[in-house]
Amino acid sequence: MSEELQDILAPRPVLAHDLIHHGKIWDLVQEKVDLGEGGQVTRELMDHPGAVTVLALDDSDRVLMIRQYRHPVSMELWELPAGLLDVPGENPVVAAQRELLEETDLRASEWGLLAEWFNSPGGSNEALRCYLARGISEVPEGERYQRGEEELNMLTVWVPLDEARDAVLAGKIHNPGAVIGILAAVASKQVGWSTLRPADSPWPAHRHYR
């Protein structure tokens, strides 16, 4: 291979940036971009704050799964604990720890970086990371978060990692964070977790953490 297999930061000049719609969580924007020899093009994209996902693994190699209603697809999906990076300046690892606590009443003493990706880079700048959390313990009842809306009464189960892998490969699980996180955990476990990166690794793919 003549070039390293790694995505690179290579921004093109943005000649115009217009807000089409300001949403509750993300915005829809239109940008005019200079592609050089490719000419000038106009693209619409979802301007998204990004998100973090947590694969919590207990001492028996069981992964914590939650089932949550997702209105855009009209389905209850099996997912990993996750949440938006919607607190300005918040460290992504801190955000992941917060989401684990808020959604599952759990904490973890060990954190590592499993995977990162863009959900739909052809039309969105949403960047995501999945962390492996181990050393799991319960949060005292008095410190637990009061959940509401789609998170109210979410079903939570511990599933053997291999069983979760089989569900992904059988097309039974569709949430991208769960699919990527589970397969990444299986692959990393097979090599003794040697592929794990430090939880605080740089994140140049996310525009707010460059």
Protein backbone atom coordinates (compact mmCIF):
# COMPACT_ATOMS: atom_id res chain seq x y z
CA MET A 1 0.00 0.00 0.00
CA SER A 2 1.51 3.32 -1.09
CA GLU A 3 -0.38 5.48 1.39
CA GLU A 4 -1.22 5.02 5.06
CA LEU A 5 -4.78 3.78 5.58
CA GLN A 6 -5.94 6.79 7.56
CA ASP A 7 -8.48 9.53 6.96
CA ILE A 8 -6.91 12.99 6.79
CA LEU A 9 -8.13 16.47 7.64
CA ALA A 10 -8.32 18.35 4.33
CA PRO A 11 -10.85 21.22 4.45
CA ARG A 12 -11.85 23.07 1.29
CA PRO A 13 -12.57 26.83 1.29
CA VAL A 14 -16.15 27.65 2.31
CA LEU A 15 -17.30 30.63 0.25
CA ALA A 16 -20.75 31.00 1.86
CA HIS A 17 -22.53 29.59 4.91
CA ASP A 18 -26.28 30.04 5.37
CA LEU A 19 -28.59 28.77 8.10
CA ILE A 20 -31.65 27.07 6.61
CA HIS A 21 -33.25 25.83 9.83
CA HIS A 22 -32.33 26.17 13.50
CA GLY A 23 -33.42 23.03 15.33
CA LYS A 24 -33.70 21.95 18.95
CA ILE A 25 -30.64 19.69 18.71
CA TRP A 26 -29.06 20.31 15.30
CA ASP A 27 -29.25 22.84 12.47
CA LEU A 28 -29.65 22.48 8.74
CA VAL A 29 -27.16 24.66 6.85
CA GLN A 30 -26.19 25.34 3.24
CA GLU A 31 -22.58 25.92 2.24
CA LYS A 32 -20.91 26.91 -1.01
CA VAL A 33 -17.57 25.10 -1.26
CA ASP A 34 -14.61 25.58 -3.60
CA LEU A 35 -13.35 22.15 -4.73
CA GLY A 36 -10.57 23.56 -6.88
CA GLU A 37 -10.50 21.65 -10.15
CA GLY A 38 -13.91 20.21 -9.25
CA GLY A 39 -15.44 23.68 -9.31
CA GLN A 40 -17.71 25.38 -6.79
CA VAL A 41 -20.59 23.36 -5.37
CA THR A 42 -23.45 23.96 -2.94
CA ARG A 43 -24.17 21.38 -0.26
CA GLU A 44 -26.81 21.11 2.46
CA LEU A 45 -25.75 19.44 5.68
CA MET A 46 -26.87 18.74 9.22
CA ASP A 47 -24.71 20.66 11.69
CA HIS A 48 -24.60 18.29 14.67
CA PRO A 49 -22.84 18.56 18.09
CA GLY A 50 -21.67 14.93 17.98
CA ALA A 51 -22.22 12.17 20.52
CA VAL A 52 -20.60 9.51 22.68
CA THR A 53 -21.52 5.86 23.21
CA VAL A 54 -20.54 3.53 26.07
CA LEU A 55 -20.04 -0.21 25.87
CA ALA A 56 -20.17 -1.24 29.54
CA LEU A 57 -18.73 -4.71 30.09
CA ASP A 58 -18.98 -6.59 33.37
CA ASP A 59 -16.60 -9.21 34.80
CA SER A 60 -18.53 -11.98 33.01
CA ASP A 61 -18.04 -10.33 29.59
CA ARG A 62 -21.65 -9.24 29.41
CA VAL A 63 -22.52 -5.98 27.65
CA LEU A 64 -25.15 -3.63 29.00
CA MET A 65 -27.97 -3.04 26.50
CA ILE A 66 -30.90 -0.66 26.77
CA ARG A 67 -34.10 -0.57 24.71
CA GLN A 68 -35.29 2.88 23.70
CA TYR A 69 -38.08 4.18 21.46
CA ARG A 70 -36.81 6.11 18.42
CA HIS A 71 -39.59 8.07 16.77
CA PRO A 72 -37.97 8.74 13.34
CA VAL A 73 -37.94 4.98 12.65
CA SER A 74 -41.01 4.12 14.79
CA MET A 75 -39.11 1.34 16.54
CA GLU A 76 -37.82 0.38 19.97
CA LEU A 77 -34.11 -0.22 19.40
CA TRP A 78 -31.54 -2.14 21.41
CA GLU A 79 -28.74 0.33 22.04
CA LEU A 80 -25.73 1.11 24.18
CA PRO A 81 -25.89 4.04 26.64
CA ALA A 82 -25.20 7.19 24.62
CA GLY A 83 -25.78 10.91 24.49
CA LEU A 84 -25.11 14.19 22.76
CA LEU A 85 -22.06 16.37 23.24
CA ASP A 86 -24.37 19.29 23.94
CA VAL A 87 -22.52 20.82 26.90
CA PRO A 88 -20.08 23.42 25.51
CA GLY A 89 -16.46 22.59 26.35
CA GLU A 90 -17.28 19.28 28.07
CA ASN A 91 -14.60 16.61 27.77
CA PRO A 92 -16.01 13.69 25.71
CA VAL A 93 -14.96 11.16 28.35
CA VAL A 94 -16.78 13.15 31.03
CA ALA A 95 -19.83 13.23 28.76
CA ALA A 96 -19.66 9.44 28.38
CA GLN A 97 -19.39 8.98 32.15
CA ARG A 98 -22.37 11.29 32.62
CA GLU A 99 -24.48 9.41 30.09
CA LEU A 100 -23.68 6.04 31.68
CA LEU A 101 -24.75 7.38 35.07
CA GLU A 102 -27.89 9.12 33.79
CA GLU A 103 -29.18 6.26 31.66
CA THR A 104 -28.18 3.20 33.73
CA ASP A 105 -27.35 4.30 37.32
CA LEU A 106 -23.84 2.86 36.86
CA ARG A 107 -20.25 4.05 37.09
CA ALA A 108 -17.03 2.57 35.70
CA SER A 109 -13.47 2.77 36.99
CA GLU A 110 -11.72 1.84 33.71
CA TRP A 111 -12.21 3.65 30.41
CA GLY A 112 -10.72 3.04 26.97
CA LEU A 113 -11.50 4.17 23.43
CA LEU A 114 -12.95 1.46 21.20
CA ALA A 115 -13.93 3.21 17.96
CA GLU A 116 -14.90 6.48 16.33
CA TRP A 117 -16.85 7.27 13.17
CA PHE A 118 -19.13 9.64 11.25
CA ASN A 119 -22.78 8.55 11.09
CA SER A 120 -23.50 9.99 7.65
CA PRO A 121 -20.55 12.03 6.31
CA GLY A 122 -22.26 12.67 2.99
CA GLY A 123 -24.80 14.93 4.67
CA SER A 124 -23.83 15.50 8.31
CA ASN A 125 -20.77 16.48 10.36
CA GLU A 126 -21.90 14.30 13.29
CA ALA A 127 -18.82 12.68 14.84
CA LEU A 128 -19.12 9.87 17.40
CA ARG A 129 -16.93 7.89 19.76
CA CYS A 130 -17.53 4.60 21.56
CA TYR A 131 -15.79 3.94 24.87
CA LEU A 132 -15.23 0.65 26.65
CA ALA A 133 -16.19 0.95 30.32
CA ARG A 134 -15.14 -1.70 32.85
CA GLY A 135 -14.99 -1.92 36.61
CA ILE A 136 -18.74 -1.37 36.84
CA SER A 137 -20.48 -0.33 40.06
CA GLU A 138 -23.94 0.96 40.96
CA VAL A 139 -24.60 4.60 41.76
CA PRO A 140 -26.12 5.15 45.24
CA GLU A 141 -29.86 5.67 45.04
CA GLY A 142 -29.66 9.23 46.29
CA GLU A 143 -27.32 10.21 43.43
CA ARG A 144 -29.38 8.73 40.60
CA TYR A 145 -30.70 10.77 37.69
CA GLN A 146 -34.45 11.21 37.23
CA ARG A 147 -35.18 10.07 33.68
CA GLY A 148 -38.03 11.27 31.47
CA GLU A 149 -39.42 11.32 27.91
CA GLU A 150 -38.03 8.44 25.77
CA GLU A 151 -35.65 7.45 28.57
CA LEU A 152 -38.45 6.83 31.09
CA ASN A 153 -38.79 3.13 32.05
CA MET A 154 -36.18 1.96 29.54
CA LEU A 155 -35.56 -1.78 29.67
CA THR A 156 -31.97 -2.58 30.66
CA VAL A 157 -30.36 -6.02 30.29
CA TRP A 158 -26.91 -7.59 30.52
CA VAL A 159 -26.18 -9.69 27.42
CA PRO A 160 -23.17 -11.97 26.77
CA LEU A 161 -20.90 -10.18 24.30
CA ASP A 162 -20.96 -13.10 21.86
CA GLU A 163 -24.76 -13.14 21.94
CA ALA A 164 -24.83 -9.42 21.18
CA ARG A 165 -22.42 -10.01 18.26
CA ASP A 166 -24.71 -12.71 16.87
CA ALA A 167 -27.71 -10.37 17.10
CA VAL A 168 -25.82 -7.70 15.16
CA LEU A 169 -24.77 -10.13 12.40
CA ALA A 170 -28.31 -11.51 12.18
CA GLY A 171 -29.68 -8.04 11.48
CA LYS A 172 -31.57 -7.85 14.76
CA ILE A 173 -29.79 -4.71 16.04
CA HIS A 174 -29.79 -1.52 13.95
CA ASN A 175 -28.49 1.31 16.12
CA PRO A 176 -25.09 2.30 14.63
CA GLY A 177 -23.43 2.88 18.00
CA ALA A 178 -24.46 -0.58 19.17
CA VAL A 179 -23.44 -2.26 15.92
CA ILE A 180 -20.03 -0.60 15.78
CA GLY A 181 -19.34 -0.80 19.51
CA ILE A 182 -20.23 -4.47 19.82
CA LEU A 183 -18.21 -5.57 16.77
CA ALA A 184 -15.26 -3.41 17.84
CA ALA A 185 -15.35 -4.93 21.34
CA VAL A 186 -15.42 -8.47 19.95
CA ALA A 187 -12.48 -7.72 17.67
CA SER A 188 -10.47 -6.01 20.39
CA LYS A 189 -11.13 -8.78 22.91
CA GLN A 190 -9.75 -11.34 20.43
CA VAL A 191 -6.36 -9.58 20.53
CA GLY A 192 -6.33 -9.10 24.29
CA TRP A 193 -7.72 -5.54 24.09
CA SER A 194 -4.44 -4.40 22.55
CA THR A 195 -6.29 -2.11 20.12
CA LEU A 196 -7.80 0.02 22.88
CA ARG A 197 -6.63 3.62 22.84
CA PRO A 198 -6.48 5.94 25.85
CA ALA A 199 -9.91 7.39 26.58
CA ASP A 200 -8.51 10.93 26.30
CA SER A 201 -6.92 10.38 22.86
CA PRO A 202 -7.00 13.41 20.53
CA TRP A 203 -10.13 13.70 18.39
CA PRO A 204 -9.28 15.73 15.27
CA ALA A 205 -12.30 14.33 13.39
CA HIS A 206 -14.61 16.36 15.64
CA ARG A 207 -14.48 20.04 14.69
CA HIS A 208 -14.88 21.19 18.31
CA TYR A 209 -11.95 19.10 19.61
CA ARG A 210 -9.28 19.84 16.99
